[in-house]
């Protein structure tokens, strides 16, 4: 697996985690649990955004990591 595909796979995993945490927050009956799930979702979203920016940079500027 190349570095580029590994980073993209990590990004896909983060998107899935963010979605799951959102679902947990919405479906939880306890307010405290909702709060913690939401906080975790926000944190994962921030990390996801950082990785997404890195993927964009890799695709645009670093030809050796490009998937094309």
PDB file of N, CA and C in Angstrom:
ATOM      1  N   UNK A   1       0.850  -1.176   0.000  1.00  0.00           N
ATOM      2  CA  UNK A   1       0.000   0.000   0.000  1.00  0.00           C
ATOM      3  C   UNK A   1       0.895   1.237   0.000  1.00  0.00           C
ATOM      4  N   UNK A   2       0.579   2.175  -0.878  1.00  0.00           N
ATOM      5  CA  UNK A   2       1.371   3.398  -0.947  1.00  0.00           C
ATOM      6  C   UNK A   2       1.004   4.337   0.195  1.00  0.00           C
ATOM      7  N   UNK A   3       1.854   5.321   0.423  1.00  0.00           N
ATOM      8  CA  UNK A   3       1.589   6.313   1.465  1.00  0.00           C
ATOM      9  C   UNK A   3       0.281   7.046   1.152  1.00  0.00           C
ATOM     10  N   UNK A   4       0.107   7.432  -0.110  1.00  0.00           N
ATOM     11  CA  UNK A   4      -1.106   8.149  -0.505  1.00  0.00           C
ATOM     12  C   UNK A   4      -2.365   7.350  -0.236  1.00  0.00           C
ATOM     13  N   UNK A   5      -2.368   6.083  -0.615  1.00  0.00           N
ATOM     14  CA  UNK A   5      -3.564   5.269  -0.395  1.00  0.00           C
ATOM     15  C   UNK A   5      -3.781   4.998   1.093  1.00  0.00           C
ATOM     16  N   UNK A   6      -2.706   4.896   1.847  1.00  0.00           N
ATOM     17  CA  UNK A   6      -2.827   4.697   3.290  1.00  0.00           C
ATOM     18  C   UNK A   6      -3.453   5.923   3.957  1.00  0.00           C
ATOM     19  N   UNK A   7      -3.018   7.107   3.555  1.00  0.00           N
ATOM     20  CA  UNK A   7      -3.589   8.341   4.114  1.00  0.00           C
ATOM     21  C   UNK A   7      -5.058   8.463   3.725  1.00  0.00           C
ATOM     22  N   UNK A   8      -5.372   8.107   2.482  1.00  0.00           N
ATOM     23  CA  UNK A   8      -6.769   8.171   2.032  1.00  0.00           C
ATOM     24  C   UNK A   8      -7.639   7.152   2.773  1.00  0.00           C
ATOM     25  N   UNK A   9      -7.094   5.991   3.068  1.00  0.00           N
ATOM     26  CA  UNK A   9      -7.824   4.991   3.839  1.00  0.00           C
ATOM     27  C   UNK A   9      -8.061   5.498   5.264  1.00  0.00           C
ATOM     28  N   UNK A  10      -7.080   6.164   5.825  1.00  0.00           N
ATOM     29  CA  UNK A  10      -7.232   6.763   7.156  1.00  0.00           C
ATOM     30  C   UNK A  10      -8.338   7.809   7.137  1.00  0.00           C
ATOM     31  N   UNK A  11      -8.379   8.627   6.087  1.00  0.00           N
ATOM     32  CA  UNK A  11      -9.420   9.635   5.949  1.00  0.00           C
ATOM     33  C   UNK A  11     -10.803   8.988   5.895  1.00  0.00           C
ATOM     34  N   UNK A  12     -10.935   7.927   5.140  1.00  0.00           N
ATOM     35  CA  UNK A  12     -12.216   7.225   5.053  1.00  0.00           C
ATOM     36  C   UNK A  12     -12.626   6.662   6.415  1.00  0.00           C
ATOM     37  N   UNK A  13     -11.673   6.124   7.160  1.00  0.00           N
ATOM     38  CA  UNK A  13     -11.959   5.609   8.497  1.00  0.00           C
ATOM     39  C   UNK A  13     -12.418   6.721   9.436  1.00  0.00           C
ATOM     40  N   UNK A  14     -11.762   7.866   9.352  1.00  0.00           N
ATOM     41  CA  UNK A  14     -12.144   9.005  10.194  1.00  0.00           C
ATOM     42  C   UNK A  14     -13.562   9.482   9.870  1.00  0.00           C
ATOM     43  N   UNK A  15     -13.910   9.486   8.590  1.00  0.00           N
ATOM     44  CA  UNK A  15     -15.274   9.871   8.200  1.00  0.00           C
ATOM     45  C   UNK A  15     -16.293   8.912   8.810  1.00  0.00           C
ATOM     46  N   UNK A  16     -15.962   7.621   8.799  1.00  0.00           N
ATOM     47  CA  UNK A  16     -16.855   6.631   9.397  1.00  0.00           C
ATOM     48  C   UNK A  16     -16.985   6.814  10.900  1.00  0.00           C
ATOM     49  N   UNK A  17     -15.864   7.091  11.564  1.00  0.00           N
ATOM     50  CA  UNK A  17     -15.898   7.332  13.015  1.00  0.00           C
ATOM     51  C   UNK A  17     -16.736   8.556  13.346  1.00  0.00           C
ATOM     52  N   UNK A  18     -16.551   9.609  12.577  1.00  0.00           N
ATOM     53  CA  UNK A  18     -17.307  10.838  12.814  1.00  0.00           C
ATOM     54  C   UNK A  18     -18.809  10.572  12.674  1.00  0.00           C
ATOM     55  N   UNK A  19     -19.170   9.813  11.671  1.00  0.00           N
ATOM     56  CA  UNK A  19     -20.576   9.473  11.450  1.00  0.00           C
ATOM     57  C   UNK A  19     -21.142   8.624  12.588  1.00  0.00           C
ATOM     58  N   UNK A  20     -20.367   7.629  13.021  1.00  0.00           N
ATOM     59  CA  UNK A  20     -20.806   6.771  14.126  1.00  0.00           C
ATOM     60  C   UNK A  20     -20.983   7.561  15.410  1.00  0.00           C
ATOM     61  N   UNK A  21     -20.040   8.439  15.705  1.00  0.00           N
ATOM     62  CA  UNK A  21     -20.138   9.246  16.923  1.00  0.00           C
ATOM     63  C   UNK A  21     -21.361  10.162  16.873  1.00  0.00           C
ATOM     64  N   UNK A  22     -21.660  10.696  15.702  1.00  0.00           N
ATOM     65  CA  UNK A  22     -22.852  11.520  15.535  1.00  0.00           C
ATOM     66  C   UNK A  22     -24.112  10.701  15.815  1.00  0.00           C
ATOM     67  N   UNK A  23     -24.138   9.497  15.286  1.00  0.00           N
ATOM     68  CA  UNK A  23     -25.275   8.611  15.512  1.00  0.00           C
ATOM     69  C   UNK A  23     -25.428   8.285  16.997  1.00  0.00           C
ATOM     70  N   UNK A  24     -24.311   7.974  17.650  1.00  0.00           N
ATOM     71  CA  UNK A  24     -24.355   7.684  19.079  1.00  0.00           C
ATOM     72  C   UNK A  24     -24.875   8.879  19.865  1.00  0.00           C
ATOM     73  N   UNK A  25     -24.402  10.068  19.505  1.00  0.00           N
ATOM     74  CA  UNK A  25     -24.847  11.281  20.206  1.00  0.00           C
ATOM     75  C   UNK A  25     -26.344  11.499  20.034  1.00  0.00           C
ATOM     76  N   UNK A  26     -26.840  11.276  18.836  1.00  0.00           N
ATOM     77  CA  UNK A  26     -28.264  11.495  18.573  1.00  0.00           C
ATOM     78  C   UNK A  26     -29.152  10.432  19.222  1.00  0.00           C
ATOM     79  N   UNK A  27     -28.638   9.214  19.323  1.00  0.00           N
ATOM     80  CA  UNK A  27     -29.456   8.104  19.834  1.00  0.00           C
ATOM     81  C   UNK A  27     -29.313   7.859  21.327  1.00  0.00           C
ATOM     82  N   UNK A  28     -28.371   8.505  21.953  1.00  0.00           N
ATOM     83  CA  UNK A  28     -28.158   8.284  23.376  1.00  0.00           C
ATOM     84  C   UNK A  28     -29.269   8.926  24.197  1.00  0.00           C
ATOM     85  N   UNK A  29     -29.678   8.233  25.221  1.00  0.00           N
ATOM     86  CA  UNK A  29     -30.738   8.735  26.091  1.00  0.00           C
ATOM     87  C   UNK A  29     -30.187   9.626  27.208  1.00  0.00           C
ATOM     88  N   UNK A  30     -28.923   9.442  27.531  1.00  0.00           N
ATOM     89  CA  UNK A  30     -28.314  10.205  28.623  1.00  0.00           C
ATOM     90  C   UNK A  30     -27.663  11.478  28.095  1.00  0.00           C
ATOM     91  N   UNK A  31     -27.960  12.576  28.731  1.00  0.00           N
ATOM     92  CA  UNK A  31     -27.431  13.870  28.300  1.00  0.00           C
ATOM     93  C   UNK A  31     -25.908  13.920  28.385  1.00  0.00           C
ATOM     94  N   UNK A  32     -25.363  13.340  29.439  1.00  0.00           N
ATOM     95  CA  UNK A  32     -23.905  13.320  29.617  1.00  0.00           C
ATOM     96  C   UNK A  32     -23.235  12.522  28.496  1.00  0.00           C
ATOM     97  N   UNK A  33     -23.818  11.388  28.144  1.00  0.00           N
ATOM     98  CA  UNK A  33     -23.275  10.574  27.052  1.00  0.00           C
ATOM     99  C   UNK A  33     -23.364  11.324  25.735  1.00  0.00           C
ATOM    100  N   UNK A  34     -24.480  11.997  25.496  1.00  0.00           N
ATOM    101  CA  UNK A  34     -24.636  12.794  24.273  1.00  0.00           C
ATOM    102  C   UNK A  34     -23.527  13.829  24.168  1.00  0.00           C
ATOM    103  N   UNK A  35     -23.258  14.485  25.290  1.00  0.00           N
ATOM    104  CA  UNK A  35     -22.223  15.520  25.333  1.00  0.00           C
ATOM    105  C   UNK A  35     -20.856  14.940  24.974  1.00  0.00           C
ATOM    106  N   UNK A  36     -20.524  13.801  25.569  1.00  0.00           N
ATOM    107  CA  UNK A  36     -19.215  13.192  25.311  1.00  0.00           C
ATOM    108  C   UNK A  36     -19.095  12.695  23.875  1.00  0.00           C
ATOM    109  N   UNK A  37     -20.150  12.086  23.366  1.00  0.00           N
ATOM    110  CA  UNK A  37     -20.123  11.637  21.972  1.00  0.00           C
ATOM    111  C   UNK A  37     -19.977  12.829  21.028  1.00  0.00           C
ATOM    112  N   UNK A  38     -20.673  13.898  21.319  1.00  0.00           N
ATOM    113  CA  UNK A  38     -20.590  15.094  20.478  1.00  0.00           C
ATOM    114  C   UNK A  38     -19.182  15.689  20.518  1.00  0.00           C
ATOM    115  N   UNK A  39     -18.598  15.784  21.692  1.00  0.00           N
ATOM    116  CA  UNK A  39     -17.234  16.310  21.823  1.00  0.00           C
ATOM    117  C   UNK A  39     -16.238  15.443  21.049  1.00  0.00           C
ATOM    118  N   UNK A  40     -16.403  14.137  21.151  1.00  0.00           N
ATOM    119  CA  UNK A  40     -15.523  13.227  20.418  1.00  0.00           C
ATOM    120  C   UNK A  40     -15.720  13.387  18.914  1.00  0.00           C
ATOM    121  N   UNK A  41     -16.971  13.568  18.485  1.00  0.00           N
ATOM    122  CA  UNK A  41     -17.273  13.767  17.074  1.00  0.00           C
ATOM    123  C   UNK A  41     -16.596  15.033  16.550  1.00  0.00           C
ATOM    124  N   UNK A  42     -16.657  16.104  17.328  1.00  0.00           N
ATOM    125  CA  UNK A  42     -16.025  17.364  16.924  1.00  0.00           C
ATOM    126  C   UNK A  42     -14.508  17.185  16.805  1.00  0.00           C
ATOM    127  N   UNK A  43     -13.906  16.513  17.771  1.00  0.00           N
ATOM    128  CA  UNK A  43     -12.467  16.277  17.743  1.00  0.00           C
ATOM    129  C   UNK A  43     -12.068  15.443  16.526  1.00  0.00           C
ATOM    130  N   UNK A  44     -12.790  14.371  16.274  1.00  0.00           N
ATOM    131  CA  UNK A  44     -12.503  13.531  15.108  1.00  0.00           C
ATOM    132  C   UNK A  44     -12.711  14.342  13.823  1.00  0.00           C
ATOM    133  N   UNK A  45     -13.716  15.207  13.806  1.00  0.00           N
ATOM    134  CA  UNK A  45     -13.957  16.063  12.644  1.00  0.00           C
ATOM    135  C   UNK A  45     -12.796  16.999  12.374  1.00  0.00           C
ATOM    136  N   UNK A  46     -12.205  17.538  13.420  1.00  0.00           N
ATOM    137  CA  UNK A  46     -11.041  18.414  13.261  1.00  0.00           C
ATOM    138  C   UNK A  46      -9.851  17.636  12.689  1.00  0.00           C
ATOM    139  N   UNK A  47      -9.638  16.442  13.205  1.00  0.00           N
ATOM    140  CA  UNK A  47      -8.548  15.601  12.700  1.00  0.00           C
ATOM    141  C   UNK A  47      -8.822  15.234  11.249  1.00  0.00           C
ATOM    142  N   UNK A  48     -10.067  14.888  10.953  1.00  0.00           N
ATOM    143  CA  UNK A  48     -10.460  14.549   9.583  1.00  0.00           C
ATOM    144  C   UNK A  48     -10.169  15.705   8.633  1.00  0.00           C
ATOM    145  N   UNK A  49     -10.499  16.917   9.060  1.00  0.00           N
ATOM    146  CA  UNK A  49     -10.246  18.085   8.216  1.00  0.00           C
ATOM    147  C   UNK A  49      -8.754  18.274   7.952  1.00  0.00           C
ATOM    148  N   UNK A  50      -7.925  18.038   8.972  1.00  0.00           N
ATOM    149  CA  UNK A  50      -6.473  18.140   8.800  1.00  0.00           C
ATOM    150  C   UNK A  50      -5.964  17.101   7.796  1.00  0.00           C
ATOM    151  N   UNK A  51      -6.450  15.878   7.923  1.00  0.00           N
ATOM    152  CA  UNK A  51      -6.030  14.808   7.010  1.00  0.00           C
ATOM    153  C   UNK A  51      -6.543  15.096   5.598  1.00  0.00           C
ATOM    154  N   UNK A  52      -7.754  15.616   5.490  1.00  0.00           N
ATOM    155  CA  UNK A  52      -8.328  15.950   4.192  1.00  0.00           C
ATOM    156  C   UNK A  52      -7.474  17.014   3.482  1.00  0.00           C
ATOM    157  N   UNK A  53      -7.003  17.991   4.232  1.00  0.00           N
ATOM    158  CA  UNK A  53      -6.123  19.012   3.683  1.00  0.00           C
ATOM    159  C   UNK A  53      -4.806  18.381   3.217  1.00  0.00           C
ATOM    160  N   UNK A  54      -4.311  17.438   3.995  1.00  0.00           N
ATOM    161  CA  UNK A  54      -3.067  16.754   3.622  1.00  0.00           C
ATOM    162  C   UNK A  54      -3.250  15.950   2.338  1.00  0.00           C
ATOM    163  N   UNK A  55      -4.382  15.275   2.206  1.00  0.00           N
ATOM    164  CA  UNK A  55      -4.673  14.520   0.985  1.00  0.00           C
ATOM    165  C   UNK A  55      -4.711  15.463  -0.216  1.00  0.00           C
ATOM    166  N   UNK A  56      -5.371  16.592  -0.047  1.00  0.00           N
ATOM    167  CA  UNK A  56      -5.444  17.578  -1.121  1.00  0.00           C
ATOM    168  C   UNK A  56      -4.042  18.042  -1.513  1.00  0.00           C
ATOM    169  N   UNK A  57      -3.214  18.350  -0.518  1.00  0.00           N
ATOM    170  CA  UNK A  57      -1.845  18.801  -0.774  1.00  0.00           C
ATOM    171  C   UNK A  57      -1.048  17.723  -1.483  1.00  0.00           C
ATOM    172  N   UNK A  58      -1.188  16.484  -1.036  1.00  0.00           N
ATOM    173  CA  UNK A  58      -0.473  15.374  -1.669  1.00  0.00           C
ATOM    174  C   UNK A  58      -0.880  15.226  -3.126  1.00  0.00           C
ATOM    175  N   UNK A  59      -2.171  15.289  -3.389  1.00  0.00           N
ATOM    176  CA  UNK A  59      -2.657  15.116  -4.757  1.00  0.00           C
ATOM    177  C   UNK A  59      -2.217  16.256  -5.669  1.00  0.00           C
ATOM    178  N   UNK A  60      -2.166  17.459  -5.135  1.00  0.00           N
ATOM    179  CA  UNK A  60      -1.835  18.625  -5.958  1.00  0.00           C
ATOM    180  C   UNK A  60      -0.330  18.844  -6.129  1.00  0.00           C
ATOM    181  N   UNK A  61       0.441  18.575  -5.088  1.00  0.00           N
ATOM    182  CA  UNK A  61       1.841  18.994  -5.103  1.00  0.00           C
ATOM    183  C   UNK A  61       2.857  17.862  -5.086  1.00  0.00           C
ATOM    184  N   UNK A  62       2.446  16.697  -4.707  1.00  0.00           N
ATOM    185  CA  UNK A  62       3.408  15.611  -4.559  1.00  0.00           C
ATOM    186  C   UNK A  62       3.029  14.463  -5.491  1.00  0.00           C
ATOM    187  N   UNK A  63       3.522  14.537  -6.710  1.00  0.00           N
ATOM    188  CA  UNK A  63       3.146  13.586  -7.747  1.00  0.00           C
ATOM    189  C   UNK A  63       3.378  12.127  -7.364  1.00  0.00           C
ATOM    190  N   UNK A  64       4.393  11.862  -6.571  1.00  0.00           N
ATOM    191  CA  UNK A  64       4.675  10.466  -6.216  1.00  0.00           C
ATOM    192  C   UNK A  64       3.587   9.844  -5.346  1.00  0.00           C
ATOM    193  N   UNK A  65       2.732  10.678  -4.726  1.00  0.00           N
ATOM    194  CA  UNK A  65       1.649  10.159  -3.897  1.00  0.00           C
ATOM    195  C   UNK A  65       0.305  10.188  -4.616  1.00  0.00           C
ATOM    196  N   UNK A  66       0.279  10.745  -5.794  1.00  0.00           N
ATOM    197  CA  UNK A  66      -0.975  10.880  -6.543  1.00  0.00           C
ATOM    198  C   UNK A  66      -1.509   9.507  -6.926  1.00  0.00           C
ATOM    199  N   UNK A  67      -2.834   9.393  -6.884  1.00  0.00           N
ATOM    200  CA  UNK A  67      -3.448   8.107  -7.210  1.00  0.00           C
ATOM    201  C   UNK A  67      -3.616   7.930  -8.711  1.00  0.00           C
ATOM    202  N   UNK A  68      -3.335   8.960  -9.517  1.00  0.00           N
ATOM    203  CA  UNK A  68      -3.482   8.814 -10.968  1.00  0.00           C
ATOM    204  C   UNK A  68      -2.242   8.293 -11.623  1.00  0.00           C
TER     205      UNK A  68
END
